[in-house]
PDB file of N, CA and C in Angstrom:
ATOM      1  N   UNK A   1     -17.053  -7.904  -9.214  1.00  0.00           N
ATOM      2  CA  UNK A   1     -17.001  -6.492  -9.871  1.00  0.00           C
ATOM      3  C   UNK A   1     -16.876  -6.934 -11.495  1.00  0.00           C
ATOM      4  N   UNK A   2     -17.795  -6.218 -12.357  1.00  0.00           N
ATOM      5  CA  UNK A   2     -17.606  -6.035 -13.748  1.00  0.00           C
ATOM      6  C   UNK A   2     -16.392  -5.771 -13.848  1.00  0.00           C
ATOM      7  N   UNK A   3     -15.822  -6.144 -15.373  1.00  0.00           N
ATOM      8  CA  UNK A   3     -14.672  -6.335 -15.897  1.00  0.00           C
ATOM      9  C   UNK A   3     -14.130  -4.478 -16.189  1.00  0.00           C
ATOM     10  N   UNK A   4     -15.287  -4.005 -16.538  1.00  0.00           N
ATOM     11  CA  UNK A   4     -15.142  -2.426 -17.030  1.00  0.00           C
ATOM     12  C   UNK A   4     -15.484  -1.507 -15.652  1.00  0.00           C
ATOM     13  N   UNK A   5     -15.609  -2.275 -14.684  1.00  0.00           N
ATOM     14  CA  UNK A   5     -15.685  -1.458 -13.154  1.00  0.00           C
ATOM     15  C   UNK A   5     -14.058  -1.117 -12.681  1.00  0.00           C
ATOM     16  N   UNK A   6     -13.762   0.215 -12.560  1.00  0.00           N
ATOM     17  CA  UNK A   6     -12.836   0.505 -12.036  1.00  0.00           C
ATOM     18  C   UNK A   6     -12.516   0.156 -10.610  1.00  0.00           C
ATOM     19  N   UNK A   7     -11.358  -0.353 -10.329  1.00  0.00           N
ATOM     20  CA  UNK A   7     -11.329  -0.749  -8.886  1.00  0.00           C
ATOM     21  C   UNK A   7     -10.744   0.551  -7.976  1.00  0.00           C
ATOM     22  N   UNK A   8     -11.357   0.346  -6.756  1.00  0.00           N
ATOM     23  CA  UNK A   8     -11.165   1.516  -5.945  1.00  0.00           C
ATOM     24  C   UNK A   8      -9.923   1.907  -5.308  1.00  0.00           C
ATOM     25  N   UNK A   9      -9.364   2.810  -5.327  1.00  0.00           N
ATOM     26  CA  UNK A   9      -8.131   3.215  -4.963  1.00  0.00           C
ATOM     27  C   UNK A   9      -8.182   3.268  -3.560  1.00  0.00           C
ATOM     28  N   UNK A  10      -6.858   2.760  -2.558  1.00  0.00           N
ATOM     29  CA  UNK A  10      -6.787   2.756  -1.431  1.00  0.00           C
ATOM     30  C   UNK A  10      -5.516   3.258  -1.003  1.00  0.00           C
ATOM     31  N   UNK A  11      -5.555   4.180   0.058  1.00  0.00           N
ATOM     32  CA  UNK A  11      -4.571   4.934   0.876  1.00  0.00           C
ATOM     33  C   UNK A  11      -4.472   4.394   1.967  1.00  0.00           C
ATOM     34  N   UNK A  12      -3.339   4.231   2.322  1.00  0.00           N
ATOM     35  CA  UNK A  12      -2.914   3.217   3.561  1.00  0.00           C
ATOM     36  C   UNK A  12      -2.146   4.405   4.514  1.00  0.00           C
ATOM     37  N   UNK A  13      -2.939   4.935   5.849  1.00  0.00           N
ATOM     38  CA  UNK A  13      -2.386   5.958   6.699  1.00  0.00           C
ATOM     39  C   UNK A  13      -1.518   4.980   7.578  1.00  0.00           C
ATOM     40  N   UNK A  14      -0.272   5.297   8.283  1.00  0.00           N
ATOM     41  CA  UNK A  14       0.512   4.888   8.963  1.00  0.00           C
ATOM     42  C   UNK A  14       1.060   3.375   8.689  1.00  0.00           C
ATOM     43  N   UNK A  15       1.558   3.366   7.215  1.00  0.00           N
ATOM     44  CA  UNK A  15       1.884   2.431   7.116  1.00  0.00           C
ATOM     45  C   UNK A  15       3.158   1.543   7.243  1.00  0.00           C
ATOM     46  N   UNK A  16       3.754   2.149   8.181  1.00  0.00           N
ATOM     47  CA  UNK A  16       4.821   1.436   8.884  1.00  0.00           C
ATOM     48  C   UNK A  16       4.519   0.551   9.880  1.00  0.00           C
ATOM     49  N   UNK A  17       3.580   0.849  10.468  1.00  0.00           N
ATOM     50  CA  UNK A  17       2.890   0.287  11.907  1.00  0.00           C
ATOM     51  C   UNK A  17       2.407  -1.154  11.723  1.00  0.00           C
ATOM     52  N   UNK A  18       2.477  -2.219  12.486  1.00  0.00           N
ATOM     53  CA  UNK A  18       1.876  -3.452  12.031  1.00  0.00           C
ATOM     54  C   UNK A  18       0.823  -3.456  11.250  1.00  0.00           C
ATOM     55  N   UNK A  19      -0.533  -2.774  11.920  1.00  0.00           N
ATOM     56  CA  UNK A  19      -1.552  -2.970  11.009  1.00  0.00           C
ATOM     57  C   UNK A  19      -1.281  -2.242   9.624  1.00  0.00           C
ATOM     58  N   UNK A  20      -0.553  -1.196   9.645  1.00  0.00           N
ATOM     59  CA  UNK A  20      -0.539  -0.371   8.367  1.00  0.00           C
ATOM     60  C   UNK A  20       0.350  -1.459   7.499  1.00  0.00           C
ATOM     61  N   UNK A  21       1.136  -2.454   7.692  1.00  0.00           N
ATOM     62  CA  UNK A  21       1.980  -3.358   6.934  1.00  0.00           C
ATOM     63  C   UNK A  21       1.316  -4.131   6.553  1.00  0.00           C
ATOM     64  N   UNK A  22       0.307  -4.777   7.210  1.00  0.00           N
ATOM     65  CA  UNK A  22      -0.589  -5.991   6.894  1.00  0.00           C
ATOM     66  C   UNK A  22      -1.542  -5.528   5.820  1.00  0.00           C
ATOM     67  N   UNK A  23      -1.838  -4.119   5.958  1.00  0.00           N
ATOM     68  CA  UNK A  23      -2.873  -3.738   4.995  1.00  0.00           C
ATOM     69  C   UNK A  23      -2.285  -3.462   3.733  1.00  0.00           C
ATOM     70  N   UNK A  24      -1.161  -3.050   3.891  1.00  0.00           N
ATOM     71  CA  UNK A  24      -0.396  -2.634   2.779  1.00  0.00           C
ATOM     72  C   UNK A  24      -0.165  -4.072   1.688  1.00  0.00           C
ATOM     73  N   UNK A  25       0.065  -4.927   2.167  1.00  0.00           N
ATOM     74  CA  UNK A  25       0.345  -6.499   1.597  1.00  0.00           C
ATOM     75  C   UNK A  25      -1.077  -6.895   1.325  1.00  0.00           C
ATOM     76  N   UNK A  26      -2.002  -7.007   2.105  1.00  0.00           N
ATOM     77  CA  UNK A  26      -3.116  -7.262   2.090  1.00  0.00           C
ATOM     78  C   UNK A  26      -4.113  -6.490   0.554  1.00  0.00           C
ATOM     79  N   UNK A  27      -3.848  -5.454   0.497  1.00  0.00           N
ATOM     80  CA  UNK A  27      -4.399  -4.571  -0.778  1.00  0.00           C
ATOM     81  C   UNK A  27      -3.493  -4.745  -1.895  1.00  0.00           C
ATOM     82  N   UNK A  28      -2.157  -4.850  -1.812  1.00  0.00           N
ATOM     83  CA  UNK A  28      -1.335  -4.907  -2.766  1.00  0.00           C
ATOM     84  C   UNK A  28      -1.451  -6.299  -3.612  1.00  0.00           C
ATOM     85  N   UNK A  29      -2.186  -7.597  -2.550  1.00  0.00           N
ATOM     86  CA  UNK A  29      -2.633  -8.775  -3.335  1.00  0.00           C
ATOM     87  C   UNK A  29      -3.876  -8.774  -3.795  1.00  0.00           C
ATOM     88  N   UNK A  30      -4.686  -7.981  -3.443  1.00  0.00           N
ATOM     89  CA  UNK A  30      -6.100  -7.727  -3.742  1.00  0.00           C
ATOM     90  C   UNK A  30      -6.290  -7.610  -5.273  1.00  0.00           C
ATOM     91  N   UNK A  31      -7.463  -8.498  -5.771  1.00  0.00           N
ATOM     92  CA  UNK A  31      -7.775  -8.638  -7.262  1.00  0.00           C
ATOM     93  C   UNK A  31      -9.116  -7.525  -6.971  1.00  0.00           C
ATOM     94  N   UNK A  32      -9.420  -6.825  -5.939  1.00  0.00           N
ATOM     95  CA  UNK A  32     -11.034  -5.828  -5.643  1.00  0.00           C
ATOM     96  C   UNK A  32     -10.271  -4.584  -5.475  1.00  0.00           C
ATOM     97  N   UNK A  33      -9.294  -4.159  -5.400  1.00  0.00           N
ATOM     98  CA  UNK A  33      -8.715  -2.779  -4.858  1.00  0.00           C
ATOM     99  C   UNK A  33      -7.484  -2.783  -5.484  1.00  0.00           C
ATOM    100  N   UNK A  34      -7.186  -1.606  -5.364  1.00  0.00           N
ATOM    101  CA  UNK A  34      -5.422  -1.055  -5.811  1.00  0.00           C
ATOM    102  C   UNK A  34      -4.626  -0.099  -4.665  1.00  0.00           C
ATOM    103  N   UNK A  35      -3.736  -0.491  -4.526  1.00  0.00           N
ATOM    104  CA  UNK A  35      -3.036   0.705  -3.746  1.00  0.00           C
ATOM    105  C   UNK A  35      -2.320   1.699  -4.484  1.00  0.00           C
ATOM    106  N   UNK A  36      -2.859   2.572  -3.990  1.00  0.00           N
ATOM    107  CA  UNK A  36      -2.359   4.159  -4.925  1.00  0.00           C
ATOM    108  C   UNK A  36      -1.701   4.890  -3.819  1.00  0.00           C
ATOM    109  N   UNK A  37      -1.571   4.449  -2.634  1.00  0.00           N
ATOM    110  CA  UNK A  37      -0.663   5.232  -1.827  1.00  0.00           C
ATOM    111  C   UNK A  37      -0.566   4.764  -0.570  1.00  0.00           C
ATOM    112  N   UNK A  38       0.498   5.361   0.129  1.00  0.00           N
ATOM    113  CA  UNK A  38       0.995   4.696   1.777  1.00  0.00           C
ATOM    114  C   UNK A  38       1.610   6.245   2.581  1.00  0.00           C
ATOM    115  N   UNK A  39       1.027   6.368   3.516  1.00  0.00           N
ATOM    116  CA  UNK A  39       1.431   7.636   4.195  1.00  0.00           C
ATOM    117  C   UNK A  39       2.164   7.188   5.433  1.00  0.00           C
ATOM    118  N   UNK A  40       3.018   8.465   5.934  1.00  0.00           N
ATOM    119  CA  UNK A  40       3.788   8.021   7.086  1.00  0.00           C
ATOM    120  C   UNK A  40       4.240   9.642   7.524  1.00  0.00           C
ATOM    121  N   UNK A  41       4.710   9.717   9.038  1.00  0.00           N
ATOM    122  CA  UNK A  41       4.818  10.822   9.396  1.00  0.00           C
ATOM    123  C   UNK A  41       6.296  11.529   8.590  1.00  0.00           C
ATOM    124  N   UNK A  42       6.421  12.638   8.548  1.00  0.00           N
ATOM    125  CA  UNK A  42       7.474  13.494   7.945  1.00  0.00           C
ATOM    126  C   UNK A  42       8.782  12.994   8.656  1.00  0.00           C
ATOM    127  N   UNK A  43       9.786  12.605   8.172  1.00  0.00           N
ATOM    128  CA  UNK A  43      11.250  12.139   8.474  1.00  0.00           C
ATOM    129  C   UNK A  43      11.096  10.818   8.602  1.00  0.00           C
ATOM    130  N   UNK A  44      10.206  10.242   8.628  1.00  0.00           N
ATOM    131  CA  UNK A  44      10.228   8.627   8.757  1.00  0.00           C
ATOM    132  C   UNK A  44      11.237   7.858   7.612  1.00  0.00           C
ATOM    133  N   UNK A  45      12.003   7.086   8.121  1.00  0.00           N
ATOM    134  CA  UNK A  45      13.117   6.445   7.033  1.00  0.00           C
ATOM    135  C   UNK A  45      12.404   5.835   5.622  1.00  0.00           C
ATOM    136  N   UNK A  46      11.026   5.498   5.872  1.00  0.00           N
ATOM    137  CA  UNK A  46      10.610   4.930   4.779  1.00  0.00           C
ATOM    138  C   UNK A  46       9.748   6.097   3.792  1.00  0.00           C
ATOM    139  N   UNK A  47       9.768   7.296   4.069  1.00  0.00           N
ATOM    140  CA  UNK A  47       9.563   8.313   3.174  1.00  0.00           C
ATOM    141  C   UNK A  47      10.183   8.287   2.070  1.00  0.00           C
ATOM    142  N   UNK A  48       9.160   8.146   0.755  1.00  0.00           N
ATOM    143  CA  UNK A  48      10.207   7.892  -0.591  1.00  0.00           C
ATOM    144  C   UNK A  48      10.915   6.839  -0.878  1.00  0.00           C
ATOM    145  N   UNK A  49      10.617   6.012   0.159  1.00  0.00           N
ATOM    146  CA  UNK A  49      10.839   4.497  -0.733  1.00  0.00           C
ATOM    147  C   UNK A  49       9.794   3.466  -0.942  1.00  0.00           C
ATOM    148  N   UNK A  50       9.970   2.839  -1.862  1.00  0.00           N
ATOM    149  CA  UNK A  50       8.746   2.008  -2.407  1.00  0.00           C
ATOM    150  C   UNK A  50       8.167   1.005  -1.115  1.00  0.00           C
ATOM    151  N   UNK A  51       6.652   1.501  -1.153  1.00  0.00           N
ATOM    152  CA  UNK A  51       6.186   0.770   0.283  1.00  0.00           C
ATOM    153  C   UNK A  51       6.492  -0.974   0.010  1.00  0.00           C
ATOM    154  N   UNK A  52       6.246  -1.311  -1.296  1.00  0.00           N
ATOM    155  CA  UNK A  52       6.277  -2.858  -1.330  1.00  0.00           C
ATOM    156  C   UNK A  52       7.860  -3.555  -0.600  1.00  0.00           C
ATOM    157  N   UNK A  53       8.722  -2.738  -1.103  1.00  0.00           N
ATOM    158  CA  UNK A  53       9.998  -3.574  -0.658  1.00  0.00           C
ATOM    159  C   UNK A  53      10.480  -2.802   1.026  1.00  0.00           C
ATOM    160  N   UNK A  54       9.483  -1.718   1.297  1.00  0.00           N
ATOM    161  CA  UNK A  54       9.631  -1.402   2.586  1.00  0.00           C
ATOM    162  C   UNK A  54       9.124  -2.673   3.650  1.00  0.00           C
ATOM    163  N   UNK A  55       7.863  -2.918   3.122  1.00  0.00           N
ATOM    164  CA  UNK A  55       7.529  -4.157   4.005  1.00  0.00           C
ATOM    165  C   UNK A  55       7.974  -5.456   3.676  1.00  0.00           C
ATOM    166  N   UNK A  56       8.961  -5.480   3.039  1.00  0.00           N
ATOM    167  CA  UNK A  56       9.720  -6.916   2.787  1.00  0.00           C
ATOM    168  C   UNK A  56       9.097  -7.653   1.760  1.00  0.00           C
ATOM    169  N   UNK A  57       8.288  -6.857   1.003  1.00  0.00           N
ATOM    170  CA  UNK A  57       8.101  -7.461  -0.020  1.00  0.00           C
ATOM    171  C   UNK A  57       8.576  -7.241  -1.644  1.00  0.00           C
ATOM    172  N   UNK A  58       7.835  -7.366  -2.775  1.00  0.00           N
ATOM    173  CA  UNK A  58       8.475  -6.877  -4.001  1.00  0.00           C
ATOM    174  C   UNK A  58       7.835  -5.692  -4.478  1.00  0.00           C
ATOM    175  N   UNK A  59       8.580  -4.627  -5.043  1.00  0.00           N
ATOM    176  CA  UNK A  59       8.319  -3.225  -5.301  1.00  0.00           C
ATOM    177  C   UNK A  59       7.273  -3.442  -6.057  1.00  0.00           C
ATOM    178  N   UNK A  60       6.262  -2.092  -5.801  1.00  0.00           N
ATOM    179  CA  UNK A  60       4.955  -1.965  -6.075  1.00  0.00           C
ATOM    180  C   UNK A  60       5.090  -0.908  -7.135  1.00  0.00           C
ATOM    181  N   UNK A  61       6.079   0.047  -7.258  1.00  0.00           N
ATOM    182  CA  UNK A  61       6.198   0.958  -8.210  1.00  0.00           C
ATOM    183  C   UNK A  61       5.719   2.406  -7.533  1.00  0.00           C
TER     184      UNK A  61
END
């Protein structure tokens, strides 16, 4: 991508599942996309938590 091209924003649905967690880690580490959101069902313990630390990594903000 050109330096002035904005990165596509990605939202992961079902972020606490096995595939969702893998996608969170892959997108967060990518230099071609940016993680802009992670969605989980209402009442899930991860709601309101930083998705990076919830998946065992560094805080993503």
